[in-house]
Protein backbone atom coordinates (compact mmCIF):
# COMPACT_ATOMS: atom_id res chain seq x y z
CA MET A 1 3.97 -40.68 6.74
CA PRO A 2 6.31 -39.46 9.51
CA THR A 3 5.59 -38.28 13.02
CA LEU A 4 6.69 -34.70 13.64
CA ILE A 5 7.82 -33.70 17.12
CA LEU A 6 7.56 -29.93 17.40
CA VAL A 7 9.57 -28.34 20.20
CA ARG A 8 9.06 -24.74 21.14
CA HIS A 9 12.39 -23.17 22.13
CA GLY A 10 13.15 -22.90 25.83
CA ARG A 11 12.33 -19.80 27.82
CA SER A 12 14.28 -16.85 26.48
CA THR A 13 15.46 -13.52 27.81
CA ALA A 14 12.74 -11.88 25.73
CA ASN A 15 10.06 -14.08 27.32
CA THR A 16 11.07 -13.01 30.82
CA ALA A 17 11.39 -9.36 29.78
CA GLY A 18 7.94 -9.30 28.16
CA VAL A 19 9.39 -8.33 24.80
CA LEU A 20 8.17 -9.43 21.36
CA ALA A 21 11.52 -10.74 20.13
CA GLY A 22 10.59 -11.72 16.60
CA ARG A 23 13.76 -12.12 14.59
CA THR A 24 15.80 -9.72 16.71
CA PRO A 25 19.37 -11.10 16.89
CA GLY A 26 21.02 -11.97 20.18
CA VAL A 27 17.92 -13.30 21.97
CA LEU A 28 19.16 -16.31 23.95
CA LEU A 29 17.79 -18.81 26.43
CA ASP A 30 17.68 -17.60 30.00
CA GLU A 31 18.76 -19.81 32.92
CA ARG A 32 15.42 -21.57 33.08
CA GLY A 33 15.40 -22.05 29.32
CA ALA A 34 18.84 -23.67 29.45
CA GLU A 35 17.55 -26.06 32.14
CA GLN A 36 14.57 -26.93 29.98
CA ALA A 37 16.81 -27.64 27.01
CA ALA A 38 19.12 -29.79 29.15
CA ALA A 39 16.14 -31.96 30.12
CA LEU A 40 15.03 -32.53 26.53
CA PRO A 41 17.31 -35.56 25.78
CA ALA A 42 15.88 -37.49 28.73
CA ARG A 43 12.32 -36.60 27.77
CA LEU A 44 12.94 -37.89 24.23
CA SER A 45 14.92 -40.94 25.35
CA ALA A 46 12.21 -43.36 24.19
CA VAL A 47 11.95 -41.68 20.80
CA ASP A 48 14.44 -42.24 18.00
CA PRO A 49 14.32 -39.18 15.72
CA VAL A 50 16.05 -39.65 12.38
CA LEU A 51 16.97 -35.98 12.04
CA ALA A 52 16.43 -32.57 13.59
CA VAL A 53 15.24 -29.37 11.94
CA SER A 54 15.63 -25.93 13.47
CA SER A 55 14.58 -22.38 12.94
CA PRO A 56 17.74 -20.38 12.18
CA LEU A 57 17.28 -18.25 15.31
CA GLU A 58 19.80 -18.91 18.04
CA ARG A 59 17.35 -19.69 20.82
CA CYS A 60 16.06 -22.67 18.82
CA ARG A 61 19.53 -23.96 18.05
CA GLN A 62 20.44 -23.60 21.74
CA THR A 63 17.37 -25.63 22.67
CA LEU A 64 18.38 -28.52 20.43
CA GLN A 65 22.07 -28.51 21.32
CA PRO A 66 21.78 -30.83 24.37
CA LEU A 67 19.83 -33.32 22.24
CA LEU A 68 22.50 -33.16 19.53
CA ASP A 69 25.23 -33.64 22.14
CA ALA A 70 23.43 -36.69 23.53
CA ARG A 71 22.90 -38.17 20.06
CA PRO A 72 26.09 -37.56 18.04
CA GLY A 73 24.60 -39.20 14.95
CA LEU A 74 21.61 -36.85 14.83
CA THR A 75 21.96 -34.42 11.95
CA LEU A 76 20.72 -30.84 12.32
CA HIS A 77 19.16 -29.02 9.37
CA THR A 78 18.30 -25.31 9.37
CA GLU A 79 14.96 -24.35 7.86
CA ASP A 80 14.24 -20.67 7.25
CA ARG A 81 10.54 -21.30 6.69
CA VAL A 82 9.98 -22.23 10.35
CA SER A 83 11.68 -19.08 11.64
CA GLU A 84 9.70 -16.75 13.87
CA CYS A 85 7.00 -14.59 12.34
CA ASP A 86 8.45 -11.38 10.92
CA TYR A 87 6.84 -8.84 13.23
CA GLY A 88 8.49 -5.98 11.38
CA HIS A 89 8.39 -2.70 13.31
CA TRP A 90 6.85 -4.48 16.29
CA SER A 91 10.00 -6.54 16.86
CA GLY A 92 11.80 -5.72 20.09
CA ARG A 93 8.88 -3.79 21.59
CA LYS A 94 7.27 -4.50 24.95
CA LEU A 95 4.10 -6.60 24.78
CA ALA A 96 2.48 -4.32 27.36
CA GLU A 97 3.06 -1.38 25.03
CA LEU A 98 1.77 -3.28 21.99
CA ALA A 99 -1.45 -4.13 23.82
CA ASP A 100 -2.64 -0.58 23.11
CA GLU A 101 -2.06 -0.88 19.36
CA PRO A 102 -5.32 -1.20 17.37
CA LEU A 103 -3.74 -4.00 15.34
CA MET A 104 -3.35 -6.15 18.46
CA SER A 105 -7.07 -6.83 18.69
CA VAL A 106 -6.96 -7.97 15.04
CA VAL A 107 -4.00 -10.24 15.81
CA GLN A 108 -5.95 -11.81 18.66
CA GLN A 109 -9.46 -11.96 17.17
CA HIS A 110 -8.99 -12.07 13.38
CA PRO A 111 -5.35 -13.09 12.75
CA SER A 112 -6.00 -14.08 9.14
CA ALA A 113 -6.45 -10.35 8.46
CA ALA A 114 -3.37 -9.27 10.42
CA ALA A 115 -0.22 -8.01 8.72
CA PHE A 116 2.59 -6.52 10.78
CA PRO A 117 3.92 -3.10 9.71
CA GLY A 118 7.19 -3.64 7.91
CA GLY A 119 6.81 -7.41 8.39
CA GLU A 120 4.66 -10.27 7.13
CA SER A 121 1.05 -11.32 7.44
CA MET A 122 0.01 -14.17 9.70
CA ARG A 123 -1.43 -15.93 6.66
CA ALA A 124 1.98 -15.89 5.01
CA MET A 125 3.59 -17.13 8.22
CA GLN A 126 1.29 -20.15 8.37
CA ALA A 127 1.61 -20.91 4.65
CA ARG A 128 5.40 -21.05 4.68
CA ALA A 129 5.47 -23.19 7.84
CA VAL A 130 2.92 -25.67 6.47
CA ASP A 131 4.82 -25.90 3.18
CA ALA A 132 8.05 -26.56 5.08
CA VAL A 133 6.50 -29.40 7.10
CA ARG A 134 4.97 -30.97 3.99
CA ASP A 135 8.36 -30.89 2.26
CA TRP A 136 10.16 -32.35 5.27
CA ASN A 137 7.52 -35.08 5.64
CA GLU A 138 8.15 -36.18 2.07
CA ARG A 139 11.91 -36.09 2.51
CA VAL A 140 11.87 -38.00 5.79
CA GLU A 141 9.53 -40.66 4.43
CA ALA A 142 11.58 -41.09 1.27
CA GLU A 143 14.86 -41.42 3.17
CA HIS A 144 13.77 -43.16 6.39
CA GLY A 145 10.36 -44.76 5.85
CA GLU A 146 6.79 -43.90 6.74
CA ASP A 147 7.15 -44.71 10.46
CA ALA A 148 10.09 -42.36 11.00
CA THR A 149 10.02 -39.59 13.59
CA TYR A 150 11.82 -36.26 13.35
CA VAL A 151 12.22 -33.23 15.59
CA MET A 152 11.61 -29.62 14.62
CA CYS A 153 12.39 -26.71 16.96
CA SER A 154 10.48 -23.53 16.24
CA HIS A 155 8.42 -20.73 17.82
CA GLY A 156 5.07 -20.33 19.50
CA ASP A 157 3.09 -18.78 16.66
CA ILE A 158 4.62 -21.16 14.12
CA ILE A 159 3.70 -24.22 16.19
CA LYS A 160 0.20 -22.92 16.89
CA SER A 161 -0.38 -22.33 13.19
CA LEU A 162 0.82 -25.86 12.36
CA VAL A 163 -1.54 -27.30 14.97
CA ALA A 164 -4.40 -25.31 13.46
CA ASP A 165 -3.59 -26.73 10.04
CA ALA A 166 -3.38 -30.28 11.42
CA LEU A 167 -6.77 -29.93 13.12
CA GLY A 168 -8.43 -28.32 10.11
CA MET A 169 -8.97 -25.13 12.12
CA HIS A 170 -9.21 -21.74 10.48
CA LEU A 171 -6.26 -19.50 11.29
CA ASP A 172 -8.67 -17.16 13.07
CA LEU A 173 -8.96 -19.81 15.83
CA PHE A 174 -5.26 -20.47 16.30
CA GLN A 175 -4.95 -18.13 19.29
CA ARG A 176 -6.95 -20.73 21.22
CA VAL A 177 -3.90 -23.01 21.05
CA HIS A 178 -1.35 -22.64 23.85
CA VAL A 179 2.24 -23.98 23.96
CA ASP A 180 4.77 -23.42 26.75
CA PRO A 181 8.50 -22.84 26.21
CA CYS A 182 10.26 -26.16 25.56
CA SER A 183 6.95 -28.01 25.35
CA VAL A 184 6.46 -30.81 22.83
CA THR A 185 3.65 -30.97 20.29
CA ALA A 186 3.52 -34.15 18.23
CA ILE A 187 1.64 -34.66 14.97
CA ARG A 188 1.44 -37.97 13.12
CA TYR A 189 0.80 -37.43 9.44
CA THR A 190 -1.02 -40.00 7.30
CA ARG A 191 -2.20 -40.08 3.70
CA LEU A 192 -5.71 -38.99 4.65
CA ARG A 193 -5.27 -36.73 7.66
CA PRO A 194 -2.94 -35.77 10.50
CA PHE A 195 -3.45 -36.83 14.11
CA LEU A 196 -2.51 -34.53 16.98
CA LEU A 197 -0.81 -36.79 19.54
CA ARG A 198 0.50 -34.20 21.98
CA LEU A 199 -0.17 -30.51 22.52
CA GLY A 200 2.16 -28.39 24.63
CA ASP A 201 3.36 -31.46 26.56
CA THR A 202 5.97 -30.86 29.26
CA GLY A 203 5.99 -34.38 30.72
CA ASP A 204 6.86 -37.96 29.73
CA LEU A 205 6.94 -38.77 26.01
CA ALA A 206 7.54 -42.54 26.05
CA SER A 207 4.33 -43.33 24.20
CA LEU A 208 5.67 -41.49 21.15
CA ALA A 209 8.13 -44.34 20.55
CA PRO A 210 7.65 -46.04 17.15
CA ARG A 211 4.67 -48.35 16.99
CA GLU A 212 5.04 -52.12 16.69
CA HIS A 213 3.08 -53.39 13.69
CA SER A 214 1.01 -56.54 14.00
CA VAL A 215 0.06 -58.74 11.05
CA GLY A 216 -3.14 -57.50 9.50
CA ALA A 217 -3.15 -54.26 11.48
CA ASP A 218 -5.10 -51.42 9.97
CA ALA A 219 -2.51 -49.04 8.53
CA ALA A 220 -4.98 -46.18 8.86
CA ALA A 221 -5.76 -46.80 12.53
CA SER A 222 -6.21 -43.72 14.65
CA PRO A 223 -3.69 -42.86 17.38
CA ALA A 224 -6.24 -43.95 19.97
CA ASP A 225 -6.50 -47.33 18.25
CA SER A 226 -2.72 -47.74 18.33
CA GLY A 227 -2.41 -47.00 22.04
CA SER A 228 -1.40 -43.35 22.07
CA ALA A 229 -2.28 -41.38 25.16
CA ASP A 230 -4.58 -38.41 25.05
CA ALA A 231 -3.02 -35.07 24.21
CA THR A 232 -2.01 -33.02 27.21
CA VAL A 233 -3.15 -29.45 26.79
CA GLY A 234 -0.82 -26.71 28.01
CA GLY A 235 1.69 -24.18 26.91
CA GLY A 236 1.56 -20.62 25.81
CA ALA A 237 3.25 -18.46 23.25
CA GLY A 238 4.80 -15.30 24.58
CA ALA A 239 4.10 -13.58 21.25
CA PRO A 240 0.66 -12.51 20.13
């Protein structure tokens, strides 16, 4: 099955302002975020993604634009199911202010029980994102083969919840995962289980290039067996 390269959007104006943006319109990349996005094509130069998928929010589309400019043949698809969590009435509020809300401790310690007022639950957020990835995996494999790689640009909590699913972690542990703006998290899916190849990586990604198959190679070999480097831990979601 395909390898998914998850990119968190570059640093945004909401990140620097300490605001929980959610789906608030008009949240764009700041100057640093634009620089991060501009560096993405070079970082992915060794990788040949067959398509790109984006959250509909503008900061994600901005993040992918330099990659699309550098690869004119790369098609962009918008996927609503990997949009930011719907934080409801919390959207647009300062994180420092939200820290005093009783629900915040639930979000941090027991997120599977957390539902945002006027928004969605974190369980629903994870379920829709996982369903989206499963659907895109099937589509990419059917159209481009099982060794294909594709890029998906989304948000911190979405990526963390997908990592939790890939690792077989309960959603209540997903706050232990940390991804920086414009970091890359890579997951190789197989018939039996996913392999986390990168987590919150902000460096070189050359080892994510498609593998060369040898005669008689074990198709179910682990990433370590096929020469992949260890995951680099880093990153951090600005949202709870």
